[in-house]
Amino acid sequence: MNLFSRGTPFRRTEPATAPKPPTASPAAATTTLLDPALATLTGEWVIDPAHSRIGFSVRHAMVTTVRGAFSEYQSRLYFDGRDPARSQAEIIINTASVDTGVEQRDAHLVGRDFLDARAYPRMHFASTSVELADTDVYRMTGDLTIKNSTRPVVLELTYIGHVTDPFGYDRVGFDGTTTIDRSEWGLTYSTRLAEGGAMVSEKVRLQFDIAAIRRPPVD
């Protein structure tokens, strides 16, 4: 499969150690490719933060939706276009970088009621398996750690396409989403409404709008 990698030629520091391609294909490797051209995309990629978004949405007061995103993160990506099962992704998010557009709400989210960014400054996702689920759709399973809780999640990732931009960069795009129950990661803060129900829904939709640039080979 394929996902993201924070750190680009444009800004922020990329991880010091790039991911190493797997040396052996898992037994359950995908053998059918929708587009043979995907084989040319095999390699290491980095995210373009100017054209990507790692965000979330959650119901508020049962009648509206609050949306936000994390602006600071690091990640590693290896995409295998011949055998998606060999692909890997890892992302580390700075919890204090949450941005919903409302300063007071952001302060609440990074406080002890929710992310507790001072005690737990990072969230972590690491893929454990990838498979071709449908036409241009990949299913990536991985471990998500928030605070001290680690639980499996499944991302549905749609391949958007790839191009060479006017500056000569190879670009590839993916959109991904999954829904989690925040209480399973210890995010249990809740205020009840007089009409019943919670002020903040326990269901949170995570969204990944990813534009990645091919990492030049290391000499």
Protein backbone atom coordinates (compact mmCIF):
# COMPACT_ATOMS: atom_id res chain seq x y z
CA MET A 1 0.00 0.00 0.00
CA ASN A 2 0.94 3.48 0.34
CA LEU A 3 0.43 6.36 2.54
CA PHE A 4 2.22 9.33 3.76
CA SER A 5 5.52 10.77 4.82
CA ARG A 6 5.99 14.09 6.57
CA GLY A 7 9.07 16.05 5.73
CA THR A 8 9.49 17.43 2.21
CA PRO A 9 11.84 19.40 0.00
CA PHE A 10 9.71 22.44 0.88
CA ARG A 11 9.59 22.57 4.69
CA ARG A 12 10.04 20.73 7.97
CA THR A 13 12.69 18.18 8.65
CA GLU A 14 12.20 14.68 7.38
CA PRO A 15 13.10 11.64 9.47
CA ALA A 16 16.79 10.90 9.68
CA THR A 17 16.32 7.27 8.66
CA ALA A 18 14.27 6.37 5.62
CA PRO A 19 12.18 3.20 5.70
CA LYS A 20 13.82 0.13 4.24
CA PRO A 21 11.84 -1.88 1.69
CA PRO A 22 10.80 -5.32 2.96
CA THR A 23 13.13 -8.14 1.97
CA ALA A 24 10.38 -10.71 1.50
CA SER A 25 6.80 -10.56 0.38
CA PRO A 26 4.15 -11.78 2.86
CA ALA A 27 2.28 -14.92 1.93
CA ALA A 28 -0.91 -12.95 1.47
CA ALA A 29 0.64 -10.54 -1.03
CA THR A 30 -1.72 -9.03 -3.57
CA THR A 31 -1.01 -10.39 -7.04
CA THR A 32 -3.60 -8.49 -9.11
CA LEU A 33 -2.99 -4.86 -9.96
CA LEU A 34 -5.60 -2.58 -11.42
CA ASP A 35 -3.03 -0.58 -13.38
CA PRO A 36 0.36 -2.05 -14.40
CA ALA A 37 1.72 1.51 -14.44
CA LEU A 38 1.62 1.44 -10.63
CA ALA A 39 4.76 -0.71 -10.73
CA THR A 40 6.70 2.41 -11.75
CA LEU A 41 5.69 4.06 -8.48
CA THR A 42 7.53 1.55 -6.32
CA GLY A 43 9.89 3.31 -3.92
CA GLU A 44 10.06 5.86 -1.13
CA TRP A 45 7.87 8.96 -1.00
CA VAL A 46 7.49 12.06 1.17
CA ILE A 47 4.38 14.05 1.88
CA ASP A 48 3.85 17.54 0.50
CA PRO A 49 2.33 19.35 3.51
CA ALA A 50 1.24 22.33 1.40
CA HIS A 51 -1.20 20.08 -0.47
CA SER A 52 -2.10 17.50 2.17
CA ARG A 53 -4.30 17.32 5.24
CA ILE A 54 -4.44 14.97 8.23
CA GLY A 55 -7.71 15.83 9.87
CA PHE A 56 -10.77 14.72 11.78
CA SER A 57 -14.45 15.49 12.19
CA VAL A 58 -16.77 14.89 15.15
CA ARG A 59 -20.38 15.64 16.01
CA HIS A 60 -20.91 18.47 18.47
CA ALA A 61 -24.12 18.85 20.49
CA MET A 62 -25.61 16.20 18.17
CA VAL A 63 -26.57 18.84 15.58
CA THR A 64 -23.37 20.07 13.97
CA THR A 65 -19.92 18.84 12.92
CA VAL A 66 -16.60 20.23 14.13
CA ARG A 67 -13.63 19.75 11.82
CA GLY A 68 -9.95 20.08 12.57
CA ALA A 69 -6.48 19.00 11.49
CA PHE A 70 -2.97 18.41 12.79
CA SER A 71 -0.36 20.67 11.22
CA GLU A 72 2.83 19.02 12.52
CA TYR A 73 3.80 15.42 11.94
CA GLN A 74 6.60 13.17 10.74
CA SER A 75 6.22 10.00 8.74
CA ARG A 76 7.81 7.34 6.59
CA LEU A 77 6.40 5.68 3.47
CA TYR A 78 7.38 2.82 1.21
CA PHE A 79 5.02 2.01 -1.67
CA ASP A 80 5.26 -1.18 -3.69
CA GLY A 81 3.23 -0.86 -6.88
CA ARG A 82 3.84 -4.47 -7.89
CA ASP A 83 2.90 -5.99 -4.55
CA PRO A 84 0.89 -3.66 -2.26
CA ALA A 85 1.26 -6.10 0.66
CA ARG A 86 4.94 -5.11 0.86
CA SER A 87 4.12 -1.43 1.38
CA GLN A 88 4.62 0.29 4.72
CA ALA A 89 3.59 3.52 6.43
CA GLU A 90 4.34 5.21 9.73
CA ILE A 91 3.24 8.59 11.03
CA ILE A 92 3.95 10.47 14.25
CA ILE A 93 1.67 13.42 15.01
CA ASN A 94 2.37 16.28 17.40
CA THR A 95 -0.79 16.41 19.49
CA ALA A 96 -0.30 20.08 20.38
CA SER A 97 -0.58 21.02 16.69
CA VAL A 98 -4.36 20.44 16.57
CA ASP A 99 -6.21 23.27 14.83
CA THR A 100 -10.00 23.61 14.63
CA GLY A 101 -10.02 27.33 13.90
CA VAL A 102 -11.16 28.24 17.42
CA GLU A 103 -8.38 28.99 19.90
CA GLN A 104 -10.41 28.23 23.01
CA ARG A 105 -11.55 24.88 21.64
CA ASP A 106 -8.01 23.96 20.61
CA ALA A 107 -6.80 24.70 24.15
CA HIS A 108 -9.47 22.35 25.50
CA LEU A 109 -8.50 19.59 23.07
CA VAL A 110 -4.80 19.66 24.03
CA GLY A 111 -5.67 19.76 27.74
CA ARG A 112 -6.19 16.89 30.16
CA ASP A 113 -9.84 16.33 29.18
CA PHE A 114 -8.77 15.10 25.76
CA LEU A 115 -5.27 14.70 24.24
CA ASP A 116 -3.26 15.87 27.28
CA ALA A 117 -0.49 17.08 24.98
CA ARG A 118 1.87 17.95 27.83
CA ALA A 119 1.94 14.36 29.12
CA TYR A 120 1.46 12.71 25.70
CA PRO A 121 3.04 14.94 23.05
CA ARG A 122 2.81 12.37 20.25
CA MET A 123 0.27 10.11 18.57
CA HIS A 124 1.61 7.25 16.49
CA PHE A 125 0.35 5.10 13.62
CA ALA A 126 2.28 2.17 12.12
CA SER A 127 0.90 -0.07 9.40
CA THR A 128 0.84 -3.84 9.93
CA SER A 129 -0.69 -5.02 6.64
CA VAL A 130 -1.97 -3.71 3.30
CA GLU A 131 -4.23 -5.30 0.71
CA LEU A 132 -6.01 -4.36 -2.49
CA ALA A 133 -9.68 -4.11 -1.50
CA ASP A 134 -11.33 -2.89 -4.71
CA THR A 135 -10.64 -0.90 -7.84
CA ASP A 136 -8.21 1.83 -6.78
CA VAL A 137 -9.01 1.11 -3.12
CA TYR A 138 -6.51 -0.24 -0.59
CA ARG A 139 -7.14 -1.46 2.94
CA MET A 140 -4.38 -0.61 5.38
CA THR A 141 -4.45 -2.09 8.87
CA GLY A 142 -2.23 -0.61 11.54
CA ASP A 143 -1.72 0.17 15.21
CA LEU A 144 -2.84 3.59 16.44
CA THR A 145 -1.42 4.85 19.73
CA ILE A 146 -3.07 7.76 21.55
CA LYS A 147 -1.89 8.51 25.06
CA ASN A 148 -0.72 5.10 26.31
CA SER A 149 -3.37 3.07 24.48
CA THR A 150 -2.58 1.15 21.29
CA ARG A 151 -5.39 -0.38 19.26
CA PRO A 152 -5.77 -1.60 15.66
CA VAL A 153 -7.50 0.54 13.05
CA VAL A 154 -8.33 -0.04 9.38
CA LEU A 155 -7.95 2.73 6.80
CA GLU A 156 -9.71 2.69 3.45
CA LEU A 157 -7.39 4.47 1.00
CA THR A 158 -8.42 5.51 -2.51
CA TYR A 159 -5.71 5.98 -5.13
CA ILE A 160 -6.32 9.31 -6.89
CA GLY A 161 -3.57 9.19 -9.50
CA HIS A 162 -0.02 10.24 -10.27
CA VAL A 163 1.58 12.96 -12.39
CA THR A 164 4.87 14.71 -13.06
CA ASP A 165 4.43 18.35 -12.09
CA PRO A 166 5.93 21.36 -13.97
CA PHE A 167 8.92 21.30 -11.61
CA GLY A 168 9.78 17.71 -12.49
CA TYR A 169 8.51 16.11 -9.26
CA ASP A 170 6.65 12.80 -9.42
CA ARG A 171 3.46 13.18 -7.40
CA VAL A 172 0.90 10.65 -6.20
CA GLY A 173 -2.40 11.21 -4.40
CA PHE A 174 -4.49 9.19 -1.93
CA ASP A 175 -7.60 9.92 0.10
CA GLY A 176 -8.19 7.83 3.22
CA THR A 177 -10.64 7.60 6.06
CA THR A 178 -11.56 5.58 9.13
CA THR A 179 -13.88 6.03 12.11
CA ILE A 180 -12.78 5.35 15.67
CA ASP A 181 -14.43 5.36 19.08
CA ARG A 182 -12.35 7.85 21.06
CA SER A 183 -13.28 6.24 24.38
CA GLU A 184 -11.25 3.17 23.39
CA TRP A 185 -8.12 5.35 23.59
CA GLY A 186 -9.03 6.87 26.95
CA LEU A 187 -10.57 10.05 25.52
CA THR A 188 -13.65 9.74 27.70
CA TYR A 189 -14.55 13.38 28.45
CA SER A 190 -18.28 13.90 27.96
CA THR A 191 -20.91 16.43 28.94
CA ARG A 192 -24.49 15.22 28.68
CA LEU A 193 -27.20 17.29 27.05
CA ALA A 194 -30.55 17.97 28.71
CA GLU A 195 -32.29 16.33 25.76
CA GLY A 196 -30.06 13.26 26.09
CA GLY A 197 -26.92 12.39 24.22
CA ALA A 198 -23.40 13.77 24.50
CA MET A 199 -22.05 17.23 23.80
CA VAL A 200 -19.15 15.60 21.91
CA SER A 201 -19.73 12.34 20.03
CA GLU A 202 -17.57 9.34 20.87
CA LYS A 203 -17.29 8.56 17.15
CA VAL A 204 -14.48 10.46 15.42
CA ARG A 205 -13.84 10.29 11.69
CA LEU A 206 -10.16 10.51 10.72
CA GLN A 207 -9.35 11.87 7.26
CA PHE A 208 -6.16 11.69 5.21
CA ASP A 209 -5.89 13.79 2.04
CA ILE A 210 -2.38 12.95 0.88
CA ALA A 211 -0.17 14.31 -1.88
CA ALA A 212 3.23 12.63 -1.85
CA ILE A 213 6.43 13.38 -3.76
CA ARG A 214 8.93 10.73 -4.75
CA ARG A 215 12.04 10.76 -2.56
CA PRO A 216 15.21 11.03 -4.66
CA PRO A 217 17.48 7.98 -4.37
CA VAL A 218 20.40 8.28 -1.97
CA ASP A 219 23.79 8.04 -3.68
